[in-house]
Amino acid sequence: MEGCWSRRGCDDEMQGRCPHNVPGEPCPADCHYAACHRPTHVVCEDFGVLLNPNRDYDAAVKQVCRFCEHFLVNGPDIDPETRTRDKFSGRNRFLL
């Protein structure tokens, strides 16, 4: 079966981290096909909202959602009873 990256012309680097190639990973923010064109999509500039440690960033299917004001304000919070160390941490999500 042909992967979507073959039809879309993605380079080897993008193929290596594409969620269609790596299950469970969010769509990379720099993927052309992950762009959000919804009217609710606004890039958040408020660090208090961006760094909310209670937000469930794993609920975002795309990396683009993780800095979208709509998701950051309206998205789900982490359930304190199921929170584990393995879960994505909002505290260090900007470290490369």
C-alpha atoms as a PDB file:
ATOM      1  CA  MET A   1       0.000   0.000   0.000  1.00  0.00           C
ATOM      2  CA  GLU A   2       1.320   3.411  -0.966  1.00  0.00           C
ATOM      3  CA  GLY A   3       1.795   5.872   1.910  1.00  0.00           C
ATOM      4  CA  CYS A   4       0.256   9.335   1.704  1.00  0.00           C
ATOM      5  CA  TRP A   5       3.764  10.842   1.702  1.00  0.00           C
ATOM      6  CA  SER A   6       4.414   9.144  -1.635  1.00  0.00           C
ATOM      7  CA  ARG A   7       1.349  10.741  -3.181  1.00  0.00           C
ATOM      8  CA  ARG A   8       2.061  14.107  -1.569  1.00  0.00           C
ATOM      9  CA  GLY A   9       5.739  14.221  -2.422  1.00  0.00           C
ATOM     10  CA  CYS A  10       7.090  14.473   1.141  1.00  0.00           C
ATOM     11  CA  ASP A  11      10.852  14.222   1.516  1.00  0.00           C
ATOM     12  CA  ASP A  12      12.612  11.469   3.488  1.00  0.00           C
ATOM     13  CA  GLU A  13      12.977  13.616   6.609  1.00  0.00           C
ATOM     14  CA  MET A  14       9.241  14.338   6.777  1.00  0.00           C
ATOM     15  CA  GLN A  15       8.388  10.706   6.064  1.00  0.00           C
ATOM     16  CA  GLY A  16      10.509   9.678   9.040  1.00  0.00           C
ATOM     17  CA  ARG A  17       8.350  11.609  11.522  1.00  0.00           C
ATOM     18  CA  CYS A  18       4.969  11.568   9.814  1.00  0.00           C
ATOM     19  CA  PRO A  19       2.242  10.091  12.055  1.00  0.00           C
ATOM     20  CA  HIS A  20       1.093   7.995   9.127  1.00  0.00           C
ATOM     21  CA  ASN A  21       4.525   6.394   9.351  1.00  0.00           C
ATOM     22  CA  VAL A  22       4.922   6.596  13.161  1.00  0.00           C
ATOM     23  CA  PRO A  23       1.596   5.645  14.799  1.00  0.00           C
ATOM     24  CA  GLY A  24       0.514   7.705  17.784  1.00  0.00           C
ATOM     25  CA  GLU A  25       2.547  10.788  16.908  1.00  0.00           C
ATOM     26  CA  PRO A  26       0.825  14.109  16.163  1.00  0.00           C
ATOM     27  CA  CYS A  27       0.937  15.599  12.676  1.00  0.00           C
ATOM     28  CA  PRO A  28       4.093  17.761  12.521  1.00  0.00           C
ATOM     29  CA  ALA A  29       3.392  21.491  12.564  1.00  0.00           C
ATOM     30  CA  ASP A  30       5.564  22.059   9.509  1.00  0.00           C
ATOM     31  CA  CYS A  31       3.656  19.550   7.368  1.00  0.00           C
ATOM     32  CA  HIS A  32       1.762  21.419   4.675  1.00  0.00           C
ATOM     33  CA  TYR A  33      -1.223  19.107   5.102  1.00  0.00           C
ATOM     34  CA  ALA A  34      -1.482  19.711   8.861  1.00  0.00           C
ATOM     35  CA  ALA A  35      -2.316  23.398   8.442  1.00  0.00           C
ATOM     36  CA  CYS A  36      -5.570  24.466  10.059  1.00  0.00           C
ATOM     37  CA  HIS A  37      -7.897  26.672   8.039  1.00  0.00           C
ATOM     38  CA  ARG A  38     -10.739  26.806  10.556  1.00  0.00           C
ATOM     39  CA  PRO A  39     -11.972  30.243  11.585  1.00  0.00           C
ATOM     40  CA  THR A  40     -11.372  29.313  15.234  1.00  0.00           C
ATOM     41  CA  HIS A  41      -7.634  28.741  14.682  1.00  0.00           C
ATOM     42  CA  VAL A  42      -5.643  31.599  16.190  1.00  0.00           C
ATOM     43  CA  VAL A  43      -1.995  31.293  17.211  1.00  0.00           C
ATOM     44  CA  CYS A  44      -1.854  31.922  20.957  1.00  0.00           C
ATOM     45  CA  GLU A  45       0.519  34.619  22.193  1.00  0.00           C
ATOM     46  CA  ASP A  46      -0.325  34.452  25.904  1.00  0.00           C
ATOM     47  CA  PHE A  47       2.365  32.427  27.701  1.00  0.00           C
ATOM     48  CA  GLY A  48       0.031  31.809  30.629  1.00  0.00           C
ATOM     49  CA  VAL A  49      -2.325  29.983  28.278  1.00  0.00           C
ATOM     50  CA  LEU A  50       0.453  28.314  26.257  1.00  0.00           C
ATOM     51  CA  LEU A  51       2.124  26.833  29.322  1.00  0.00           C
ATOM     52  CA  ASN A  52      -0.985  25.593  31.129  1.00  0.00           C
ATOM     53  CA  PRO A  53       0.265  22.477  32.969  1.00  0.00           C
ATOM     54  CA  ASN A  54      -3.278  21.110  33.295  1.00  0.00           C
ATOM     55  CA  ARG A  55      -4.068  21.008  29.571  1.00  0.00           C
ATOM     56  CA  ASP A  56      -4.072  17.536  27.987  1.00  0.00           C
ATOM     57  CA  TYR A  57      -1.755  18.274  25.069  1.00  0.00           C
ATOM     58  CA  ASP A  58      -1.898  14.610  24.015  1.00  0.00           C
ATOM     59  CA  ALA A  59      -5.523  15.186  23.017  1.00  0.00           C
ATOM     60  CA  ALA A  60      -4.325  17.352  20.114  1.00  0.00           C
ATOM     61  CA  VAL A  61      -4.079  15.318  16.929  1.00  0.00           C
ATOM     62  CA  LYS A  62      -1.852  17.927  15.284  1.00  0.00           C
ATOM     63  CA  GLN A  63       1.090  19.833  16.728  1.00  0.00           C
ATOM     64  CA  VAL A  64      -0.540  22.965  15.313  1.00  0.00           C
ATOM     65  CA  CYS A  65      -3.349  22.549  17.852  1.00  0.00           C
ATOM     66  CA  ARG A  66      -0.898  22.695  20.736  1.00  0.00           C
ATOM     67  CA  PHE A  67      -0.352  26.410  20.175  1.00  0.00           C
ATOM     68  CA  CYS A  68      -3.863  27.225  18.933  1.00  0.00           C
ATOM     69  CA  GLU A  69      -5.756  29.525  21.275  1.00  0.00           C
ATOM     70  CA  HIS A  70      -9.032  27.685  20.664  1.00  0.00           C
ATOM     71  CA  PHE A  71      -7.583  24.328  21.758  1.00  0.00           C
ATOM     72  CA  LEU A  72      -5.641  25.838  24.648  1.00  0.00           C
ATOM     73  CA  VAL A  73      -8.724  27.565  26.054  1.00  0.00           C
ATOM     74  CA  ASN A  74     -11.384  24.959  25.228  1.00  0.00           C
ATOM     75  CA  GLY A  75      -9.415  21.708  25.076  1.00  0.00           C
ATOM     76  CA  PRO A  76      -9.571  18.989  27.716  1.00  0.00           C
ATOM     77  CA  ASP A  77      -7.604  19.059  30.944  1.00  0.00           C
ATOM     78  CA  ILE A  78      -5.532  16.117  32.119  1.00  0.00           C
ATOM     79  CA  ASP A  79      -7.486  13.836  34.420  1.00  0.00           C
ATOM     80  CA  PRO A  80      -5.583  14.002  37.732  1.00  0.00           C
ATOM     81  CA  GLU A  81      -6.463  10.386  38.510  1.00  0.00           C
ATOM     82  CA  THR A  82      -4.913   9.036  35.307  1.00  0.00           C
ATOM     83  CA  ARG A  83      -1.958  11.437  35.090  1.00  0.00           C
ATOM     84  CA  THR A  84       1.341   9.558  34.800  1.00  0.00           C
ATOM     85  CA  ARG A  85       4.957  10.491  34.175  1.00  0.00           C
ATOM     86  CA  ASP A  86       4.683   8.997  30.685  1.00  0.00           C
ATOM     87  CA  LYS A  87       2.119  11.569  29.648  1.00  0.00           C
ATOM     88  CA  PHE A  88       3.157  14.568  27.586  1.00  0.00           C
ATOM     89  CA  SER A  89       4.178  17.451  29.832  1.00  0.00           C
ATOM     90  CA  GLY A  90       3.155  20.995  29.019  1.00  0.00           C
ATOM     91  CA  ARG A  91       6.080  22.288  31.066  1.00  0.00           C
ATOM     92  CA  ASN A  92       8.787  21.260  28.611  1.00  0.00           C
ATOM     93  CA  ARG A  93       6.995  21.039  25.311  1.00  0.00           C
ATOM     94  CA  PHE A  94       8.974  23.899  23.766  1.00  0.00           C
ATOM     95  CA  LEU A  95      12.390  22.400  24.491  1.00  0.00           C
ATOM     96  CA  LEU A  96      14.129  20.978  21.455  1.00  0.00           C
END
